[in-house]
C-alpha cells in the first residue's frame, strides 16, 4: 500500500479526472492501465484529506488460449511507479509540469 498526498487544488483535479474513468465497487476504484501490452489493474481509494491510496495492483497477461493470468503486486516501489504512470496516462497532472 502506498499513500500520496497532493495540494488541495491538484487533488480535486486529479480525483475528478480519475473518477470519470474508474470502475467502482462500494469501497474502491479500479483503474486499468496498459504498459507494453500488459494490463495492470490498480485498486485506488480517495480519502477526503487530499490523499490518494493505492492498495494493490494486479498484472494481467494472456496465454495463447486467451486465458488470463493474474499476478498480485504489493511492492511499494512498483506501486508508486504504476501510480505515476496512471496519473500520466489518465490526467493532465504531469503534462502541465513539463511545460
N, C-alpha and C. Protein backbone atom coordinates (compact mmCIF):
# COMPACT_ATOMS: atom_id res chain seq x y z
N UNK A 1 0.84 -1.17 0.00
CA UNK A 1 0.00 0.00 0.00
C UNK A 1 0.89 1.23 0.00
N UNK A 2 0.53 2.19 -0.83
CA UNK A 2 1.24 3.47 -0.83
C UNK A 2 0.22 4.59 -0.68
N UNK A 3 0.69 5.69 -0.13
CA UNK A 3 -0.15 6.87 0.06
C UNK A 3 0.60 8.05 -0.54
N UNK A 4 -0.12 8.83 -1.33
CA UNK A 4 0.47 10.03 -1.91
C UNK A 4 -0.43 11.22 -1.60
N UNK A 5 0.16 12.28 -1.09
CA UNK A 5 -0.59 13.48 -0.71
C UNK A 5 -0.38 14.54 -1.78
N UNK A 6 -1.45 15.27 -2.08
CA UNK A 6 -1.43 16.32 -3.09
C UNK A 6 -1.87 17.64 -2.47
N UNK A 7 -1.54 18.72 -3.15
CA UNK A 7 -2.09 20.02 -2.77
C UNK A 7 -3.58 19.99 -3.06
N UNK A 8 -4.34 20.79 -2.33
CA UNK A 8 -5.80 20.75 -2.41
C UNK A 8 -6.32 20.93 -3.84
N UNK A 9 -5.80 21.93 -4.57
CA UNK A 9 -6.30 22.17 -5.93
C UNK A 9 -5.89 21.05 -6.88
N UNK A 10 -4.70 20.47 -6.70
CA UNK A 10 -4.28 19.35 -7.53
C UNK A 10 -5.14 18.12 -7.25
N UNK A 11 -5.41 17.89 -5.97
CA UNK A 11 -6.19 16.71 -5.57
C UNK A 11 -7.58 16.74 -6.19
N UNK A 12 -8.23 17.89 -6.16
CA UNK A 12 -9.58 18.00 -6.72
C UNK A 12 -9.57 17.68 -8.21
N UNK A 13 -8.59 18.18 -8.93
CA UNK A 13 -8.50 17.93 -10.37
C UNK A 13 -8.20 16.47 -10.66
N UNK A 14 -7.25 15.90 -9.92
CA UNK A 14 -6.88 14.51 -10.13
C UNK A 14 -8.04 13.58 -9.79
N UNK A 15 -8.69 13.83 -8.67
CA UNK A 15 -9.80 12.98 -8.26
C UNK A 15 -10.93 13.02 -9.28
N UNK A 16 -11.28 14.21 -9.75
CA UNK A 16 -12.35 14.34 -10.73
C UNK A 16 -12.00 13.60 -12.02
N UNK A 17 -10.77 13.77 -12.48
CA UNK A 17 -10.35 13.14 -13.72
C UNK A 17 -10.33 11.62 -13.59
N UNK A 18 -9.81 11.12 -12.48
CA UNK A 18 -9.74 9.67 -12.30
C UNK A 18 -11.11 9.05 -12.04
N UNK A 19 -11.95 9.74 -11.30
CA UNK A 19 -13.28 9.19 -11.00
C UNK A 19 -14.14 9.05 -12.26
N UNK A 20 -13.90 9.88 -13.25
CA UNK A 20 -14.63 9.76 -14.50
C UNK A 20 -14.26 8.49 -15.26
N UNK A 21 -13.09 7.92 -14.95
CA UNK A 21 -12.57 6.77 -15.69
C UNK A 21 -12.54 5.49 -14.87
N UNK A 22 -13.02 5.51 -13.63
CA UNK A 22 -12.89 4.36 -12.73
C UNK A 22 -14.02 3.37 -12.91
N UNK A 23 -13.72 2.15 -12.49
CA UNK A 23 -14.72 1.10 -12.38
C UNK A 23 -14.90 0.89 -10.88
N UNK A 24 -15.98 1.44 -10.30
CA UNK A 24 -16.14 1.46 -8.86
C UNK A 24 -16.96 0.28 -8.35
N UNK A 25 -16.57 -0.20 -7.18
CA UNK A 25 -17.47 -1.01 -6.38
C UNK A 25 -17.74 -0.19 -5.13
N UNK A 26 -18.25 -0.79 -4.09
CA UNK A 26 -18.67 0.01 -2.94
C UNK A 26 -17.51 0.57 -2.11
N UNK A 27 -16.29 0.08 -2.28
CA UNK A 27 -15.20 0.51 -1.41
C UNK A 27 -14.05 1.20 -2.13
N UNK A 28 -13.81 0.87 -3.37
CA UNK A 28 -12.64 1.45 -4.03
C UNK A 28 -12.88 1.57 -5.52
N UNK A 29 -11.94 2.19 -6.18
CA UNK A 29 -11.97 2.31 -7.63
C UNK A 29 -10.91 1.41 -8.23
N UNK A 30 -11.19 0.84 -9.35
CA UNK A 30 -10.22 0.04 -10.08
C UNK A 30 -9.89 0.76 -11.37
N UNK A 31 -8.62 0.90 -11.63
CA UNK A 31 -8.16 1.58 -12.83
C UNK A 31 -7.30 0.63 -13.62
N UNK A 32 -7.54 0.57 -14.90
CA UNK A 32 -6.75 -0.29 -15.78
C UNK A 32 -5.83 0.59 -16.59
N UNK A 33 -4.53 0.27 -16.53
CA UNK A 33 -3.56 0.95 -17.37
C UNK A 33 -2.85 -0.12 -18.18
N UNK A 34 -2.39 0.24 -19.36
CA UNK A 34 -1.72 -0.71 -20.25
C UNK A 34 -0.30 -0.22 -20.48
N UNK A 35 0.65 -1.12 -20.22
CA UNK A 35 2.06 -0.83 -20.43
C UNK A 35 2.65 -2.00 -21.20
N UNK A 36 3.17 -1.74 -22.38
CA UNK A 36 3.76 -2.78 -23.23
C UNK A 36 2.83 -3.99 -23.40
N UNK A 37 1.59 -3.72 -23.71
CA UNK A 37 0.56 -4.72 -23.97
C UNK A 37 0.22 -5.59 -22.75
N UNK A 38 0.57 -5.13 -21.56
CA UNK A 38 0.22 -5.82 -20.32
C UNK A 38 -0.73 -4.93 -19.55
N UNK A 39 -1.86 -5.48 -19.12
CA UNK A 39 -2.84 -4.73 -18.34
C UNK A 39 -2.48 -4.78 -16.87
N UNK A 40 -2.57 -3.63 -16.21
CA UNK A 40 -2.38 -3.53 -14.77
C UNK A 40 -3.66 -2.94 -14.19
N UNK A 41 -4.20 -3.58 -13.17
CA UNK A 41 -5.41 -3.12 -12.51
C UNK A 41 -5.00 -2.59 -11.14
N UNK A 42 -5.18 -1.29 -10.93
CA UNK A 42 -4.82 -0.66 -9.66
C UNK A 42 -6.06 -0.46 -8.81
N UNK A 43 -5.97 -0.84 -7.55
CA UNK A 43 -7.04 -0.61 -6.57
C UNK A 43 -6.71 0.68 -5.82
N UNK A 44 -7.57 1.70 -6.01
CA UNK A 44 -7.29 3.04 -5.51
C UNK A 44 -8.44 3.51 -4.63
N UNK A 45 -8.10 4.29 -3.61
CA UNK A 45 -9.11 4.90 -2.75
C UNK A 45 -8.76 6.36 -2.54
N UNK A 46 -9.81 7.20 -2.41
CA UNK A 46 -9.65 8.64 -2.21
C UNK A 46 -10.22 9.06 -0.86
N UNK A 47 -9.41 9.09 0.20
CA UNK A 47 -9.91 9.67 1.45
C UNK A 47 -10.12 11.17 1.24
N UNK A 48 -10.78 11.82 2.14
CA UNK A 48 -11.10 13.24 1.96
C UNK A 48 -10.02 14.20 2.42
N UNK A 49 -8.83 13.74 2.65
CA UNK A 49 -7.78 14.61 3.17
C UNK A 49 -6.64 14.81 2.16
N UNK A 50 -6.99 14.92 0.88
CA UNK A 50 -6.03 15.19 -0.20
C UNK A 50 -5.01 14.07 -0.38
N UNK A 51 -5.39 12.87 0.00
CA UNK A 51 -4.51 11.73 -0.19
C UNK A 51 -5.11 10.77 -1.21
N UNK A 52 -4.24 10.06 -1.90
CA UNK A 52 -4.64 9.01 -2.81
C UNK A 52 -3.93 7.74 -2.33
N UNK A 53 -4.69 6.68 -2.12
CA UNK A 53 -4.12 5.43 -1.62
C UNK A 53 -4.21 4.37 -2.70
N UNK A 54 -3.09 3.71 -2.97
CA UNK A 54 -3.08 2.56 -3.87
C UNK A 54 -2.87 1.33 -2.99
N UNK A 55 -3.90 0.48 -2.92
CA UNK A 55 -3.85 -0.70 -2.05
C UNK A 55 -3.02 -1.82 -2.65
N UNK A 56 -3.23 -2.07 -3.93
CA UNK A 56 -2.50 -3.15 -4.60
C UNK A 56 -2.71 -3.00 -6.09
N UNK A 57 -2.04 -3.85 -6.84
CA UNK A 57 -2.22 -3.88 -8.28
C UNK A 57 -2.17 -5.34 -8.72
N UNK A 58 -2.75 -5.60 -9.87
CA UNK A 58 -2.69 -6.93 -10.45
C UNK A 58 -2.20 -6.81 -11.88
N UNK A 59 -1.23 -7.63 -12.23
CA UNK A 59 -0.73 -7.69 -13.60
C UNK A 59 -1.51 -8.77 -14.32
N UNK A 60 -2.06 -8.43 -15.47
CA UNK A 60 -2.87 -9.38 -16.23
C UNK A 60 -2.17 -9.70 -17.54
N UNK A 61 -1.85 -10.95 -17.73
CA UNK A 61 -1.30 -11.40 -19.01
C UNK A 61 -2.24 -12.43 -19.61
N UNK A 62 -2.08 -12.67 -20.89
CA UNK A 62 -2.96 -13.60 -21.60
C UNK A 62 -2.13 -14.72 -22.21
N UNK A 63 -2.64 -15.93 -22.07
CA UNK A 63 -1.98 -17.08 -22.71
C UNK A 63 -2.42 -17.14 -24.17
N UNK A 64 -1.82 -18.04 -24.92
CA UNK A 64 -2.19 -18.20 -26.33
C UNK A 64 -3.63 -18.69 -26.47
N UNK A 65 -4.16 -19.35 -25.44
CA UNK A 65 -5.53 -19.85 -25.47
C UNK A 65 -6.54 -18.77 -25.07
N UNK A 66 -6.07 -17.58 -24.73
CA UNK A 66 -6.96 -16.50 -24.33
C UNK A 66 -7.24 -16.47 -22.83
N UNK A 67 -6.63 -17.37 -22.08
CA UNK A 67 -6.82 -17.40 -20.63
C UNK A 67 -6.04 -16.28 -19.98
N UNK A 68 -6.64 -15.63 -18.97
CA UNK A 68 -5.97 -14.55 -18.25
C UNK A 68 -5.23 -15.10 -17.04
N UNK A 69 -4.04 -14.58 -16.82
CA UNK A 69 -3.23 -14.94 -15.66
C UNK A 69 -2.99 -13.66 -14.86
N UNK A 70 -3.31 -13.69 -13.57
CA UNK A 70 -3.18 -12.52 -12.71
C UNK A 70 -2.03 -12.72 -11.73
N UNK A 71 -1.23 -11.66 -11.55
CA UNK A 71 -0.18 -11.64 -10.54
C UNK A 71 -0.41 -10.42 -9.67
N UNK A 72 -0.49 -10.62 -8.36
CA UNK A 72 -0.71 -9.51 -7.44
C UNK A 72 0.60 -8.79 -7.18
N UNK A 73 0.55 -7.47 -7.20
CA UNK A 73 1.72 -6.63 -6.95
C UNK A 73 1.48 -5.86 -5.67
N UNK A 74 2.38 -6.01 -4.71
CA UNK A 74 2.26 -5.29 -3.44
C UNK A 74 3.56 -4.57 -3.06
N UNK A 75 4.56 -4.61 -3.93
CA UNK A 75 5.84 -3.95 -3.67
C UNK A 75 5.66 -2.45 -3.83
N UNK A 76 6.01 -1.69 -2.80
CA UNK A 76 5.75 -0.25 -2.77
C UNK A 76 6.36 0.51 -3.95
N UNK A 77 7.61 0.21 -4.30
CA UNK A 77 8.26 0.94 -5.40
C UNK A 77 7.54 0.73 -6.72
N UNK A 78 7.07 -0.49 -6.95
CA UNK A 78 6.35 -0.78 -8.20
C UNK A 78 4.98 -0.11 -8.17
N UNK A 79 4.30 -0.14 -7.02
CA UNK A 79 3.00 0.53 -6.90
C UNK A 79 3.15 2.03 -7.14
N UNK A 80 4.20 2.63 -6.60
CA UNK A 80 4.43 4.06 -6.80
C UNK A 80 4.67 4.37 -8.28
N UNK A 81 5.46 3.52 -8.95
CA UNK A 81 5.71 3.72 -10.38
C UNK A 81 4.42 3.57 -11.18
N UNK A 82 3.61 2.57 -10.86
CA UNK A 82 2.34 2.38 -11.56
C UNK A 82 1.39 3.55 -11.31
N UNK A 83 1.39 4.09 -10.10
CA UNK A 83 0.57 5.27 -9.81
C UNK A 83 1.00 6.45 -10.68
N UNK A 84 2.30 6.69 -10.77
CA UNK A 84 2.78 7.80 -11.60
C UNK A 84 2.43 7.60 -13.07
N UNK A 85 2.52 6.38 -13.55
CA UNK A 85 2.15 6.09 -14.94
C UNK A 85 0.66 6.32 -15.13
N UNK A 86 -0.16 5.88 -14.16
CA UNK A 86 -1.60 6.09 -14.25
C UNK A 86 -1.92 7.58 -14.29
N UNK A 87 -1.29 8.37 -13.42
CA UNK A 87 -1.52 9.81 -13.42
C UNK A 87 -1.10 10.43 -14.75
N UNK A 88 -0.01 9.95 -15.29
CA UNK A 88 0.48 10.47 -16.57
C UNK A 88 -0.47 10.11 -17.71
N UNK A 89 -1.00 8.89 -17.70
CA UNK A 89 -1.88 8.44 -18.78
C UNK A 89 -3.27 9.04 -18.68
N UNK A 90 -3.82 9.18 -17.49
CA UNK A 90 -5.24 9.48 -17.33
C UNK A 90 -5.56 10.90 -16.90
N UNK A 91 -4.56 11.70 -16.56
CA UNK A 91 -4.85 13.06 -16.10
C UNK A 91 -3.90 14.04 -16.77
N UNK A 92 -4.12 15.29 -16.52
CA UNK A 92 -3.25 16.36 -17.01
C UNK A 92 -2.18 16.71 -15.99
N UNK A 93 -2.06 15.93 -14.91
CA UNK A 93 -1.19 16.29 -13.78
C UNK A 93 0.26 16.49 -14.22
N UNK A 94 0.82 15.51 -14.94
CA UNK A 94 2.22 15.61 -15.33
C UNK A 94 2.41 16.46 -16.58
N UNK A 95 1.38 16.60 -17.39
CA UNK A 95 1.51 17.37 -18.62
C UNK A 95 1.76 18.84 -18.34
N UNK A 96 1.15 19.38 -17.29
CA UNK A 96 1.36 20.81 -17.00
C UNK A 96 2.73 21.07 -16.39
N UNK A 97 3.33 20.05 -15.75
CA UNK A 97 4.63 20.23 -15.13
C UNK A 97 5.75 20.32 -16.17
N UNK A 98 5.55 19.72 -17.34
CA UNK A 98 6.60 19.69 -18.35
C UNK A 98 6.63 20.94 -19.21
N UNK A 99 5.61 21.78 -19.11
CA UNK A 99 5.56 23.00 -19.92
C UNK A 99 6.43 24.09 -19.36
